[in-house]
Amino acid sequence: MFRRTFWFTAGAAAGVWATTKVNRKLRQLTPESLAATAANKAIETGQRLKDRAVGFAGDVRDGMAQREAELGDALGLNASVDHELPAPRRHAAIENRNKPKTYVVEGTSYSYNRNEDH
């Protein structure tokens, strides 16, 4: 009698276990479940790619800054700069400002004064 009860209980437990497994698998294979799984995988993959791209962009930025510093040193752009102003330029004399200009064309001389009335 105990043998029969044992095997009946073992068979019932195996049946419940198998039924539960099959039902879980069937629920996983429904279109809604497959779509949700695919969406989750796509989101995970996108996040992983984003993390890699951010890391790559940071590496590129660091490399650019390093190369820019190297070029600045090579061209002398990073050297200390004297903040002295250049020497003042000489200006033309004021009295020459209104003197009419004379042009010579084919032996004839012409004067031009822009302040002269025409």
PDB file of N, CA and C in Angstrom:
ATOM      1  N   MET A   1       0.802  -1.178   0.000  1.00  0.00           N
ATOM      2  CA  MET A   1       0.000   0.000   0.000  1.00  0.00           C
ATOM      3  C   MET A   1       0.863   1.268   0.000  1.00  0.00           C
ATOM      4  N   PHE A   2       1.915   1.269   0.791  1.00  0.00           N
ATOM      5  CA  PHE A   2       2.794   2.423   0.822  1.00  0.00           C
ATOM      6  C   PHE A   2       3.512   2.603  -0.514  1.00  0.00           C
ATOM      7  N   ARG A   3       3.797   1.478  -1.171  1.00  0.00           N
ATOM      8  CA  ARG A   3       4.459   1.576  -2.467  1.00  0.00           C
ATOM      9  C   ARG A   3       3.566   2.286  -3.470  1.00  0.00           C
ATOM     10  N   ARG A   4       2.308   1.908  -3.492  1.00  0.00           N
ATOM     11  CA  ARG A   4       1.374   2.519  -4.436  1.00  0.00           C
ATOM     12  C   ARG A   4       1.199   4.008  -4.129  1.00  0.00           C
ATOM     13  N   THR A   5       1.098   4.366  -2.886  1.00  0.00           N
ATOM     14  CA  THR A   5       0.930   5.767  -2.493  1.00  0.00           C
ATOM     15  C   THR A   5       2.175   6.550  -2.883  1.00  0.00           C
ATOM     16  N   PHE A   6       3.350   5.987  -2.671  1.00  0.00           N
ATOM     17  CA  PHE A   6       4.598   6.650  -3.039  1.00  0.00           C
ATOM     18  C   PHE A   6       4.635   6.919  -4.530  1.00  0.00           C
ATOM     19  N   TRP A   7       4.358   5.891  -5.359  1.00  0.00           N
ATOM     20  CA  TRP A   7       4.446   6.049  -6.805  1.00  0.00           C
ATOM     21  C   TRP A   7       3.334   6.962  -7.329  1.00  0.00           C
ATOM     22  N   PHE A   8       2.175   6.920  -6.697  1.00  0.00           N
ATOM     23  CA  PHE A   8       1.105   7.824  -7.112  1.00  0.00           C
ATOM     24  C   PHE A   8       1.516   9.278  -6.836  1.00  0.00           C
ATOM     25  N   THR A   9       2.072   9.519  -5.657  1.00  0.00           N
ATOM     26  CA  THR A   9       2.505  10.872  -5.289  1.00  0.00           C
ATOM     27  C   THR A   9       3.651  11.325  -6.194  1.00  0.00           C
ATOM     28  N   ALA A  10       4.601  10.440  -6.458  1.00  0.00           N
ATOM     29  CA  ALA A  10       5.724  10.774  -7.337  1.00  0.00           C
ATOM     30  C   ALA A  10       5.215  11.085  -8.742  1.00  0.00           C
ATOM     31  N   GLY A  11       4.273  10.325  -9.252  1.00  0.00           N
ATOM     32  CA  GLY A  11       3.712  10.561 -10.587  1.00  0.00           C
ATOM     33  C   GLY A  11       2.947  11.873 -10.651  1.00  0.00           C
ATOM     34  N   ALA A  12       2.166  12.161  -9.597  1.00  0.00           N
ATOM     35  CA  ALA A  12       1.409  13.410  -9.567  1.00  0.00           C
ATOM     36  C   ALA A  12       2.370  14.601  -9.516  1.00  0.00           C
ATOM     37  N   ALA A  13       3.410  14.508  -8.702  1.00  0.00           N
ATOM     38  CA  ALA A  13       4.389  15.592  -8.600  1.00  0.00           C
ATOM     39  C   ALA A  13       5.090  15.792  -9.941  1.00  0.00           C
ATOM     40  N   ALA A  14       5.459  14.701 -10.612  1.00  0.00           N
ATOM     41  CA  ALA A  14       6.120  14.802 -11.914  1.00  0.00           C
ATOM     42  C   ALA A  14       5.172  15.427 -12.934  1.00  0.00           C
ATOM     43  N   GLY A  15       3.882  15.057 -12.868  1.00  0.00           N
ATOM     44  CA  GLY A  15       2.897  15.636 -13.797  1.00  0.00           C
ATOM     45  C   GLY A  15       2.726  17.129 -13.570  1.00  0.00           C
ATOM     46  N   VAL A  16       2.631  17.541 -12.306  1.00  0.00           N
ATOM     47  CA  VAL A  16       2.499  18.965 -12.000  1.00  0.00           C
ATOM     48  C   VAL A  16       3.736  19.717 -12.450  1.00  0.00           C
ATOM     49  N   TRP A  17       4.896  19.147 -12.178  1.00  0.00           N
ATOM     50  CA  TRP A  17       6.155  19.792 -12.578  1.00  0.00           C
ATOM     51  C   TRP A  17       6.222  19.934 -14.100  1.00  0.00           C
ATOM     52  N   ALA A  18       5.907  18.880 -14.835  1.00  0.00           N
ATOM     53  CA  ALA A  18       5.963  18.899 -16.297  1.00  0.00           C
ATOM     54  C   ALA A  18       4.941  19.888 -16.860  1.00  0.00           C
ATOM     55  N   THR A  19       3.738  19.890 -16.284  1.00  0.00           N
ATOM     56  CA  THR A  19       2.704  20.813 -16.751  1.00  0.00           C
ATOM     57  C   THR A  19       3.135  22.261 -16.526  1.00  0.00           C
ATOM     58  N   THR A  20       3.719  22.526 -15.371  1.00  0.00           N
ATOM     59  CA  THR A  20       4.195  23.878 -15.072  1.00  0.00           C
ATOM     60  C   THR A  20       5.279  24.304 -16.055  1.00  0.00           C
ATOM     61  N   LYS A  21       6.231  23.411 -16.342  1.00  0.00           N
ATOM     62  CA  LYS A  21       7.311  23.717 -17.292  1.00  0.00           C
ATOM     63  C   LYS A  21       6.750  24.007 -18.683  1.00  0.00           C
ATOM     64  N   VAL A  22       5.817  23.164 -19.132  1.00  0.00           N
ATOM     65  CA  VAL A  22       5.249  23.333 -20.477  1.00  0.00           C
ATOM     66  C   VAL A  22       4.481  24.651 -20.550  1.00  0.00           C
ATOM     67  N   ASN A  23       3.693  24.968 -19.525  1.00  0.00           N
ATOM     68  CA  ASN A  23       2.929  26.217 -19.536  1.00  0.00           C
ATOM     69  C   ASN A  23       3.849  27.442 -19.541  1.00  0.00           C
ATOM     70  N   ARG A  24       4.951  27.375 -18.787  1.00  0.00           N
ATOM     71  CA  ARG A  24       5.909  28.478 -18.796  1.00  0.00           C
ATOM     72  C   ARG A  24       6.515  28.678 -20.185  1.00  0.00           C
ATOM     73  N   LYS A  25       6.875  27.572 -20.791  1.00  0.00           N
ATOM     74  CA  LYS A  25       7.484  27.651 -22.119  1.00  0.00           C
ATOM     75  C   LYS A  25       6.488  28.191 -23.136  1.00  0.00           C
ATOM     76  N   LEU A  26       5.231  27.780 -23.029  1.00  0.00           N
ATOM     77  CA  LEU A  26       4.209  28.282 -23.943  1.00  0.00           C
ATOM     78  C   LEU A  26       3.984  29.780 -23.755  1.00  0.00           C
ATOM     79  N   ARG A  27       4.017  30.251 -22.515  1.00  0.00           N
ATOM     80  CA  ARG A  27       3.858  31.679 -22.251  1.00  0.00           C
ATOM     81  C   ARG A  27       5.048  32.465 -22.817  1.00  0.00           C
ATOM     82  N   GLN A  28       6.241  31.870 -22.774  1.00  0.00           N
ATOM     83  CA  GLN A  28       7.419  32.542 -23.323  1.00  0.00           C
ATOM     84  C   GLN A  28       7.361  32.646 -24.845  1.00  0.00           C
ATOM     85  N   LEU A  29       6.617  31.743 -25.467  1.00  0.00           N
ATOM     86  CA  LEU A  29       6.569  31.709 -26.928  1.00  0.00           C
ATOM     87  C   LEU A  29       5.379  32.459 -27.512  1.00  0.00           C
ATOM     88  N   THR A  30       4.613  33.167 -26.713  1.00  0.00           N
ATOM     89  CA  THR A  30       3.518  33.972 -27.263  1.00  0.00           C
ATOM     90  C   THR A  30       4.114  35.185 -27.970  1.00  0.00           C
ATOM     91  N   PRO A  31       3.400  35.717 -28.966  1.00  0.00           N
ATOM     92  CA  PRO A  31       3.935  36.872 -29.703  1.00  0.00           C
ATOM     93  C   PRO A  31       4.240  38.081 -28.808  1.00  0.00           C
ATOM     94  N   GLU A  32       3.368  38.333 -27.825  1.00  0.00           N
ATOM     95  CA  GLU A  32       3.605  39.473 -26.937  1.00  0.00           C
ATOM     96  C   GLU A  32       4.881  39.285 -26.131  1.00  0.00           C
ATOM     97  N   SER A  33       5.088  38.085 -25.639  1.00  0.00           N
ATOM     98  CA  SER A  33       6.271  37.798 -24.839  1.00  0.00           C
ATOM     99  C   SER A  33       7.543  37.882 -25.686  1.00  0.00           C
ATOM    100  N   LEU A  34       7.472  37.350 -26.917  1.00  0.00           N
ATOM    101  CA  LEU A  34       8.626  37.430 -27.812  1.00  0.00           C
ATOM    102  C   LEU A  34       8.957  38.881 -28.158  1.00  0.00           C
ATOM    103  N   ALA A  35       7.922  39.703 -28.376  1.00  0.00           N
ATOM    104  CA  ALA A  35       8.151  41.117 -28.682  1.00  0.00           C
ATOM    105  C   ALA A  35       8.778  41.830 -27.492  1.00  0.00           C
ATOM    106  N   ALA A  36       8.280  41.548 -26.296  1.00  0.00           N
ATOM    107  CA  ALA A  36       8.835  42.188 -25.097  1.00  0.00           C
ATOM    108  C   ALA A  36      10.287  41.769 -24.888  1.00  0.00           C
ATOM    109  N   THR A  37      10.580  40.495 -25.102  1.00  0.00           N
ATOM    110  CA  THR A  37      11.953  40.010 -24.950  1.00  0.00           C
ATOM    111  C   THR A  37      12.880  40.688 -25.970  1.00  0.00           C
ATOM    112  N   ALA A  38      12.412  40.780 -27.221  1.00  0.00           N
ATOM    113  CA  ALA A  38      13.226  41.420 -28.260  1.00  0.00           C
ATOM    114  C   ALA A  38      13.457  42.897 -27.926  1.00  0.00           C
ATOM    115  N   ALA A  39      12.434  43.575 -27.432  1.00  0.00           N
ATOM    116  CA  ALA A  39      12.582  44.992 -27.076  1.00  0.00           C
ATOM    117  C   ALA A  39      13.582  45.154 -25.936  1.00  0.00           C
ATOM    118  N   ASN A  40      13.513  44.300 -24.946  1.00  0.00           N
ATOM    119  CA  ASN A  40      14.456  44.374 -23.825  1.00  0.00           C
ATOM    120  C   ASN A  40      15.892  44.146 -24.297  1.00  0.00           C
ATOM    121  N   LYS A  41      16.074  43.170 -25.175  1.00  0.00           N
ATOM    122  CA  LYS A  41      17.419  42.891 -25.703  1.00  0.00           C
ATOM    123  C   LYS A  41      17.930  44.085 -26.510  1.00  0.00           C
ATOM    124  N   ALA A  42      17.031  44.710 -27.297  1.00  0.00           N
ATOM    125  CA  ALA A  42      17.440  45.862 -28.094  1.00  0.00           C
ATOM    126  C   ALA A  42      17.839  47.027 -27.189  1.00  0.00           C
ATOM    127  N   ILE A  43      17.097  47.238 -26.111  1.00  0.00           N
ATOM    128  CA  ILE A  43      17.423  48.325 -25.185  1.00  0.00           C
ATOM    129  C   ILE A  43      18.767  48.063 -24.515  1.00  0.00           C
ATOM    130  N   GLU A  44      19.004  46.823 -24.112  1.00  0.00           N
ATOM    131  CA  GLU A  44      20.286  46.480 -23.490  1.00  0.00           C
ATOM    132  C   GLU A  44      21.444  46.694 -24.456  1.00  0.00           C
ATOM    133  N   THR A  45      21.252  46.257 -25.700  1.00  0.00           N
ATOM    134  CA  THR A  45      22.301  46.408 -26.711  1.00  0.00           C
ATOM    135  C   THR A  45      22.560  47.887 -26.994  1.00  0.00           C
ATOM    136  N   GLY A  46      21.492  48.673 -27.102  1.00  0.00           N
ATOM    137  CA  GLY A  46      21.654  50.108 -27.329  1.00  0.00           C
ATOM    138  C   GLY A  46      22.400  50.779 -26.196  1.00  0.00           C
ATOM    139  N   GLN A  47      22.089  50.395 -24.971  1.00  0.00           N
ATOM    140  CA  GLN A  47      22.781  50.977 -23.812  1.00  0.00           C
ATOM    141  C   GLN A  47      24.258  50.613 -23.825  1.00  0.00           C
ATOM    142  N   ARG A  48      24.549  49.356 -24.173  1.00  0.00           N
ATOM    143  CA  ARG A  48      25.939  48.919 -24.239  1.00  0.00           C
ATOM    144  C   ARG A  48      26.710  49.698 -25.313  1.00  0.00           C
ATOM    145  N   LEU A  49      26.076  49.879 -26.492  1.00  0.00           N
ATOM    146  CA  LEU A  49      26.728  50.632 -27.567  1.00  0.00           C
ATOM    147  C   LEU A  49      26.921  52.095 -27.180  1.00  0.00           C
ATOM    148  N   LYS A  50      25.931  52.666 -26.494  1.00  0.00           N
ATOM    149  CA  LYS A  50      26.043  54.054 -26.053  1.00  0.00           C
ATOM    150  C   LYS A  50      27.210  54.215 -25.090  1.00  0.00           C
ATOM    151  N   ASP A  51      27.357  53.285 -24.164  1.00  0.00           N
ATOM    152  CA  ASP A  51      28.460  53.355 -23.211  1.00  0.00           C
ATOM    153  C   ASP A  51      29.808  53.273 -23.925  1.00  0.00           C
ATOM    154  N   ARG A  52      29.888  52.416 -24.920  1.00  0.00           N
ATOM    155  CA  ARG A  52      31.142  52.294 -25.668  1.00  0.00           C
ATOM    156  C   ARG A  52      31.417  53.552 -26.474  1.00  0.00           C
ATOM    157  N   ALA A  53      30.363  54.135 -27.084  1.00  0.00           N
ATOM    158  CA  ALA A  53      30.547  55.341 -27.894  1.00  0.00           C
ATOM    159  C   ALA A  53      30.986  56.508 -27.021  1.00  0.00           C
ATOM    160  N   VAL A  54      30.419  56.632 -25.835  1.00  0.00           N
ATOM    161  CA  VAL A  54      30.811  57.709 -24.931  1.00  0.00           C
ATOM    162  C   VAL A  54      32.273  57.545 -24.534  1.00  0.00           C
ATOM    163  N   GLY A  55      32.681  56.324 -24.258  1.00  0.00           N
ATOM    164  CA  GLY A  55      34.081  56.062 -23.918  1.00  0.00           C
ATOM    165  C   GLY A  55      35.006  56.384 -25.074  1.00  0.00           C
ATOM    166  N   PHE A  56      34.592  56.019 -26.299  1.00  0.00           N
ATOM    167  CA  PHE A  56      35.393  56.281 -27.479  1.00  0.00           C
ATOM    168  C   PHE A  56      35.504  57.781 -27.730  1.00  0.00           C
ATOM    169  N   ALA A  57      34.385  58.498 -27.603  1.00  0.00           N
ATOM    170  CA  ALA A  57      34.407  59.945 -27.822  1.00  0.00           C
ATOM    171  C   ALA A  57      35.322  60.631 -26.804  1.00  0.00           C
ATOM    172  N   GLY A  58      35.299  60.170 -25.566  1.00  0.00           N
ATOM    173  CA  GLY A  58      36.193  60.738 -24.557  1.00  0.00           C
ATOM    174  C   GLY A  58      37.651  60.492 -24.899  1.00  0.00           C
ATOM    175  N   ASP A  59      37.951  59.289 -25.402  1.00  0.00           N
ATOM    176  CA  ASP A  59      39.322  58.990 -25.804  1.00  0.00           C
ATOM    177  C   ASP A  59      39.758  59.886 -26.962  1.00  0.00           C
ATOM    178  N   VAL A  60      38.859  60.103 -27.916  1.00  0.00           N
ATOM    179  CA  VAL A  60      39.185  60.955 -29.055  1.00  0.00           C
ATOM    180  C   VAL A  60      39.429  62.382 -28.589  1.00  0.00           C
ATOM    181  N   ARG A  61      38.567  62.888 -27.690  1.00  0.00           N
ATOM    182  CA  ARG A  61      38.738  64.240 -27.168  1.00  0.00           C
ATOM    183  C   ARG A  61      40.068  64.388 -26.442  1.00  0.00           C
ATOM    184  N   ASP A  62      40.429  63.389 -25.639  1.00  0.00           N
ATOM    185  CA  ASP A  62      41.705  63.436 -24.926  1.00  0.00           C
ATOM    186  C   ASP A  62      42.874  63.438 -25.899  1.00  0.00           C
ATOM    187  N   GLY A  63      42.784  62.602 -26.936  1.00  0.00           N
ATOM    188  CA  GLY A  63      43.837  62.556 -27.949  1.00  0.00           C
ATOM    189  C   GLY A  63      43.968  63.871 -28.693  1.00  0.00           C
ATOM    190  N   MET A  64      42.819  64.497 -29.002  1.00  0.00           N
ATOM    191  CA  MET A  64      42.860  65.790 -29.688  1.00  0.00           C
ATOM    192  C   MET A  64      43.522  66.844 -28.825  1.00  0.00           C
ATOM    193  N   ALA A  65      43.179  66.876 -27.553  1.00  0.00           N
ATOM    194  CA  ALA A  65      43.768  67.869 -26.651  1.00  0.00           C
ATOM    195  C   ALA A  65      45.275  67.655 -26.525  1.00  0.00           C
ATOM    196  N   GLN A  66      45.692  66.399 -26.440  1.00  0.00           N
ATOM    197  CA  GLN A  66      47.110  66.098 -26.335  1.00  0.00           C
ATOM    198  C   GLN A  66      47.852  66.536 -27.603  1.00  0.00           C
ATOM    199  N   ARG A  67      47.284  66.214 -28.768  1.00  0.00           N
ATOM    200  CA  ARG A  67      47.926  66.581 -30.033  1.00  0.00           C
ATOM    201  C   ARG A  67      47.965  68.098 -30.210  1.00  0.00           C
ATOM    202  N   GLU A  68      46.900  68.783 -29.791  1.00  0.00           N
ATOM    203  CA  GLU A  68      46.872  70.235 -29.880  1.00  0.00           C
ATOM    204  C   GLU A  68      47.960  70.852 -29.004  1.00  0.00           C
ATOM    205  N   ALA A  69      48.167  70.282 -27.828  1.00  0.00           N
ATOM    206  CA  ALA A  69      49.229  70.785 -26.950  1.00  0.00           C
ATOM    207  C   ALA A  69      50.601  70.542 -27.584  1.00  0.00           C
ATOM    208  N   GLU A  70      50.783  69.376 -28.201  1.00  0.00           N
ATOM    209  CA  GLU A  70      52.057  69.083 -28.867  1.00  0.00           C
ATOM    210  C   GLU A  70      52.318  70.073 -30.005  1.00  0.00           C
ATOM    211  N   LEU A  71      51.280  70.332 -30.810  1.00  0.00           N
ATOM    212  CA  LEU A  71      51.447  71.275 -31.918  1.00  0.00           C
ATOM    213  C   LEU A  71      51.696  72.689 -31.405  1.00  0.00           C
ATOM    214  N   GLY A  72      51.022  73.068 -30.335  1.00  0.00           N
ATOM    215  CA  GLY A  72      51.236  74.395 -29.751  1.00  0.00           C
ATOM    216  C   GLY A  72      52.660  74.564 -29.272  1.00  0.00           C
ATOM    217  N   ASP A  73      53.212  73.502 -28.655  1.00  0.00           N
ATOM    218  CA  ASP A  73      54.603  73.563 -28.212  1.00  0.00           C
ATOM    219  C   ASP A  73      55.552  73.637 -29.407  1.00  0.00           C
ATOM    220  N   ALA A  74      55.250  72.841 -30.444  1.00  0.00           N
ATOM    221  CA  ALA A  74      56.128  72.823 -31.614  1.00  0.00           C
ATOM    222  C   ALA A  74      56.120  74.159 -32.344  1.00  0.00           C
ATOM    223  N   LEU A  75      54.987  74.842 -32.380  1.00  0.00           N
ATOM    224  CA  LEU A  75      54.887  76.119 -33.090  1.00  0.00           C
ATOM    225  C   LEU A  75      55.184  77.312 -32.197  1.00  0.00           C
ATOM    226  N   GLY A  76      55.405  77.063 -30.925  1.00  0.00           N
ATOM    227  CA  GLY A  76      55.721  78.140 -30.001  1.00  0.00           C
ATOM    228  C   GLY A  76      54.502  78.936 -29.572  1.00  0.00           C
ATOM    229  N   LEU A  77      53.318  78.378 -29.726  1.00  0.00           N
ATOM    230  CA  LEU A  77      52.106  79.097 -29.344  1.00  0.00           C
ATOM    231  C   LEU A  77      51.882  79.081 -27.842  1.00  0.00           C
ATOM    232  N   ASN A  78      52.462  78.123 -27.147  1.00  0.00           N
ATOM    233  CA  ASN A  78      52.264  78.004 -25.706  1.00  0.00           C
ATOM    234  C   ASN A  78      53.346  78.715 -24.902  1.00  0.00           C
ATOM    235  N   ALA A  79      54.291  79.371 -25.602  1.00  0.00           N
ATOM    236  CA  ALA A  79      55.370  80.076 -24.907  1.00  0.00           C
ATOM    237  C   ALA A  79      54.813  81.321 -24.237  1.00  0.00           C
ATOM    238  N   SER A  80      55.539  81.801 -23.217  1.00  0.00           N
ATOM    239  CA  SER A  80      55.065  82.994 -22.519  1.00  0.00           C
ATOM    240  C   SER A  80      55.135  84.189 -23.470  1.00  0.00           C
ATOM    241  N   VAL A  81      54.162  85.056 -23.352  1.00  0.00           N
ATOM    242  CA  VAL A  81      54.044  86.188 -24.260  1.00  0.00           C
ATOM    243  C   VAL A  81      54.377  87.469 -23.498  1.00  0.00           C
ATOM    244  N   ASP A  82      55.220  88.336 -24.134  1.00  0.00           N
ATOM    245  CA  ASP A  82      55.487  89.647 -23.548  1.00  0.00           C
ATOM    246  C   ASP A  82      54.297  90.542 -23.868  1.00  0.00           C
ATOM    247  N   HIS A  83      53.780  91.184 -22.857  1.00  0.00           N
ATOM    248  CA  HIS A  83      52.590  92.003 -23.046  1.00  0.00           C
ATOM    249  C   HIS A  83      52.940  93.471 -23.269  1.00  0.00           C
ATOM    250  N   GLU A  84      54.074  93.738 -23.932  1.00  0.00           N
ATOM    251  CA  GLU A  84      54.465  95.101 -24.231  1.00  0.00           C
ATOM    252  C   GLU A  84      53.809  95.538 -25.531  1.00  0.00           C
ATOM    253  N   LEU A  85      53.462  96.786 -25.582  1.00  0.00           N
ATOM    254  CA  LEU A  85      52.870  97.336 -26.796  1.00  0.00           C
ATOM    255  C   LEU A  85      53.968  97.647 -27.796  1.00  0.00           C
ATOM    256  N   PRO A  86      53.680  97.578 -29.086  1.00  0.00           N
ATOM    257  CA  PRO A  86      54.688  97.935 -30.086  1.00  0.00           C
ATOM    258  C   PRO A  86      54.961  99.430 -30.056  1.00  0.00           C
ATOM    259  N   ALA A  87      56.100  99.823 -30.617  1.00  0.00           N
ATOM    260  CA  ALA A  87      56.479 101.239 -30.653  1.00  0.00           C
ATOM    261  C   ALA A  87      55.459 102.009 -31.486  1.00  0.00           C
ATOM    262  N   PRO A  88      55.186 103.261 -31.135  1.00  0.00           N
ATOM    263  CA  PRO A  88      54.195 104.036 -31.907  1.00  0.00           C
ATOM    264  C   PRO A  88      54.711 104.310 -33.308  1.00  0.00           C
ATOM    265  N   ARG A  89      53.808 104.363 -34.257  1.00  0.00           N
ATOM    266  CA  ARG A  89      54.155 104.645 -35.648  1.00  0.00           C
ATOM    267  C   ARG A  89      54.250 106.156 -35.855  1.00  0.00           C
ATOM    268  N   ARG A  90      55.031 106.530 -36.839  1.00  0.00           N
ATOM    269  CA  ARG A  90      55.129 107.947 -37.171  1.00  0.00           C
ATOM    270  C   ARG A  90      53.984 108.299 -38.110  1.00  0.00           C
ATOM    271  N   HIS A  91      53.398 109.463 -37.885  1.00  0.00           N
ATOM    272  CA  HIS A  91      52.290 109.924 -38.719  1.00  0.00           C
ATOM    273  C   HIS A  91      52.795 110.967 -39.704  1.00  0.00           C
ATOM    274  N   ALA A  92      52.125 111.062 -40.819  1.00  0.00           N
ATOM    275  CA  ALA A  92      52.485 112.069 -41.820  1.00  0.00           C
ATOM    276  C   ALA A  92      52.213 113.452 -41.251  1.00  0.00           C
ATOM    277  N   ALA A  93      52.977 114.405 -41.726  1.00  0.00           N
ATOM    278  CA  ALA A  93      52.807 115.776 -41.239  1.00  0.00           C
ATOM    279  C   ALA A  93      51.442 116.294 -41.646  1.00  0.00           C
ATOM    280  N   ILE A  94      50.818 117.046 -40.773  1.00  0.00           N
ATOM    281  CA  ILE A  94      49.472 117.533 -41.026  1.00  0.00           C
ATOM    282  C   ILE A  94      49.457 118.563 -42.144  1.00  0.00           C
ATOM    283  N   GLU A  95      50.514 119.388 -42.250  1.00  0.00           N
ATOM    284  CA  GLU A  95      50.496 120.434 -43.266  1.00  0.00           C
ATOM    285  C   GLU A  95      50.520 119.873 -44.681  1.00  0.00           C
ATOM    286  N   ASN A  96      50.948 118.644 -44.880  1.00  0.00           N
ATOM    287  CA  ASN A  96      50.963 118.042 -46.208  1.00  0.00           C
ATOM    288  C   ASN A  96      49.607 117.458 -46.591  1.00  0.00           C
ATOM    289  N   ARG A  97      48.701 117.473 -45.688  1.00  0.00           N
ATOM    290  CA  ARG A  97      47.424 116.805 -45.906  1.00  0.00           C
ATOM    291  C   ARG A  97      46.612 117.464 -47.023  1.00  0.00           C
ATOM    292  N   ASN A  98      46.587 118.799 -47.098  1.00  0.00           N
ATOM    293  CA  ASN A  98      45.745 119.496 -48.074  1.00  0.00           C
ATOM    294  C   ASN A  98      46.508 119.938 -49.333  1.00  0.00           C
ATOM    295  N   LYS A  99      47.744 119.559 -49.433  1.00  0.00           N
ATOM    296  CA  LYS A  99      48.543 119.930 -50.598  1.00  0.00           C
ATOM    297  C   LYS A  99      48.013 119.179 -51.811  1.00  0.00           C
ATOM    298  N   PRO A 100      47.753 119.870 -52.911  1.00  0.00           N
ATOM    299  CA  PRO A 100      47.228 119.174 -54.096  1.00  0.00           C
ATOM    300  C   PRO A 100      48.270 118.225 -54.683  1.00  0.00           C
ATOM    301  N   LYS A 101      47.793 117.108 -55.145  1.00  0.00           N
ATOM    302  CA  LYS A 101      48.676 116.125 -55.763  1.00  0.00           C
ATOM    303  C   LYS A 101      48.818 116.452 -57.233  1.00  0.00           C
ATOM    304  N   THR A 102      49.988 116.208 -57.761  1.00  0.00           N
ATOM    305  CA  THR A 102      50.258 116.511 -59.162  1.00  0.00           C
ATOM    306  C   THR A 102      50.562 115.215 -59.882  1.00  0.00           C
ATOM    307  N   TYR A 103      49.883 115.024 -61.010  1.00  0.00           N
ATOM    308  CA  TYR A 103      50.092 113.834 -61.824  1.00  0.00           C
ATOM    309  C   TYR A 103      50.600 114.266 -63.185  1.00  0.00           C
ATOM    310  N   VAL A 104      51.516 113.500 -63.743  1.00  0.00           N
ATOM    311  CA  VAL A 104      52.063 113.805 -65.061  1.00  0.00           C
ATOM    312  C   VAL A 104      51.637 112.696 -65.995  1.00  0.00           C
ATOM    313  N   VAL A 105      50.900 113.097 -67.069  1.00  0.00           N
ATOM    314  CA  VAL A 105      50.440 112.134 -68.062  1.00  0.00           C
ATOM    315  C   VAL A 105      50.902 112.643 -69.422  1.00  0.00           C
ATOM    316  N   GLU A 106      51.712 111.890 -70.111  1.00  0.00           N
ATOM    317  CA  GLU A 106      52.242 112.190 -71.430  1.00  0.00           C
ATOM    318  C   GLU A 106      52.823 113.603 -71.496  1.00  0.00           C
ATOM    319  N   GLY A 107      53.605 113.936 -70.503  1.00  0.00           N
ATOM    320  CA  GLY A 107      54.283 115.223 -70.504  1.00  0.00           C
ATOM    321  C   GLY A 107      53.447 116.364 -69.955  1.00  0.00           C
ATOM    322  N   THR A 108      52.157 116.190 -69.746  1.00  0.00           N
ATOM    323  CA  THR A 108      51.302 117.245 -69.220  1.00  0.00           C
ATOM    324  C   THR A 108      51.072 116.987 -67.750  1.00  0.00           C
ATOM    325  N   SER A 109      51.180 118.022 -66.937  1.00  0.00           N
ATOM    326  CA  SER A 109      50.983 117.834 -65.508  1.00  0.00           C
ATOM    327  C   SER A 109      49.591 118.289 -65.116  1.00  0.00           C
ATOM    328  N   TYR A 110      48.952 117.475 -64.261  1.00  0.00           N
ATOM    329  CA  TYR A 110      47.612 117.766 -63.765  1.00  0.00           C
ATOM    330  C   TYR A 110      47.664 117.770 -62.242  1.00  0.00           C
ATOM    331  N   SER A 111      46.944 118.707 -61.639  1.00  0.00           N
ATOM    332  CA  SER A 111      46.892 118.706 -60.189  1.00  0.00           C
ATOM    333  C   SER A 111      45.502 118.225 -59.759  1.00  0.00           C
ATOM    334  N   TYR A 112      45.481 117.533 -58.644  1.00  0.00           N
ATOM    335  CA  TYR A 112      44.220 117.019 -58.133  1.00  0.00           C
ATOM    336  C   TYR A 112      44.117 117.410 -56.679  1.00  0.00           C
ATOM    337  N   ASN A 113      43.064 118.118 -56.344  1.00  0.00           N
ATOM    338  CA  ASN A 113      42.776 118.472 -54.964  1.00  0.00           C
ATOM    339  C   ASN A 113      41.322 118.103 -54.728  1.00  0.00           C
ATOM    340  N   ARG A 114      41.092 117.176 -53.891  1.00  0.00           N
ATOM    341  CA  ARG A 114      39.727 116.696 -53.701  1.00  0.00           C
ATOM    342  C   ARG A 114      38.857 117.735 -53.000  1.00  0.00           C
ATOM    343  N   ASN A 115      39.464 118.714 -52.367  1.00  0.00           N
ATOM    344  CA  ASN A 115      38.708 119.756 -51.704  1.00  0.00           C
ATOM    345  C   ASN A 115      38.361 120.914 -52.652  1.00  0.00           C
ATOM    346  N   GLU A 116      38.859 120.846 -53.843  1.00  0.00           N
ATOM    347  CA  GLU A 116      38.642 121.908 -54.801  1.00  0.00           C
ATOM    348  C   GLU A 116      37.248 121.776 -55.398  1.00  0.00           C
ATOM    349  N   ASP A 117      36.582 122.914 -55.596  1.00  0.00           N
ATOM    350  CA  ASP A 117      35.249 122.893 -56.222  1.00  0.00           C
ATOM    351  C   ASP A 117      35.383 122.633 -57.706  1.00  0.00           C
ATOM    352  N   HIS A 118      34.490 121.881 -58.240  1.00  0.00           N
ATOM    353  CA  HIS A 118      34.542 121.554 -59.680  1.00  0.00           C
ATOM    354  C   HIS A 118      33.486 122.278 -60.417  1.00  0.00           C
TER     355      HIS A 118
END
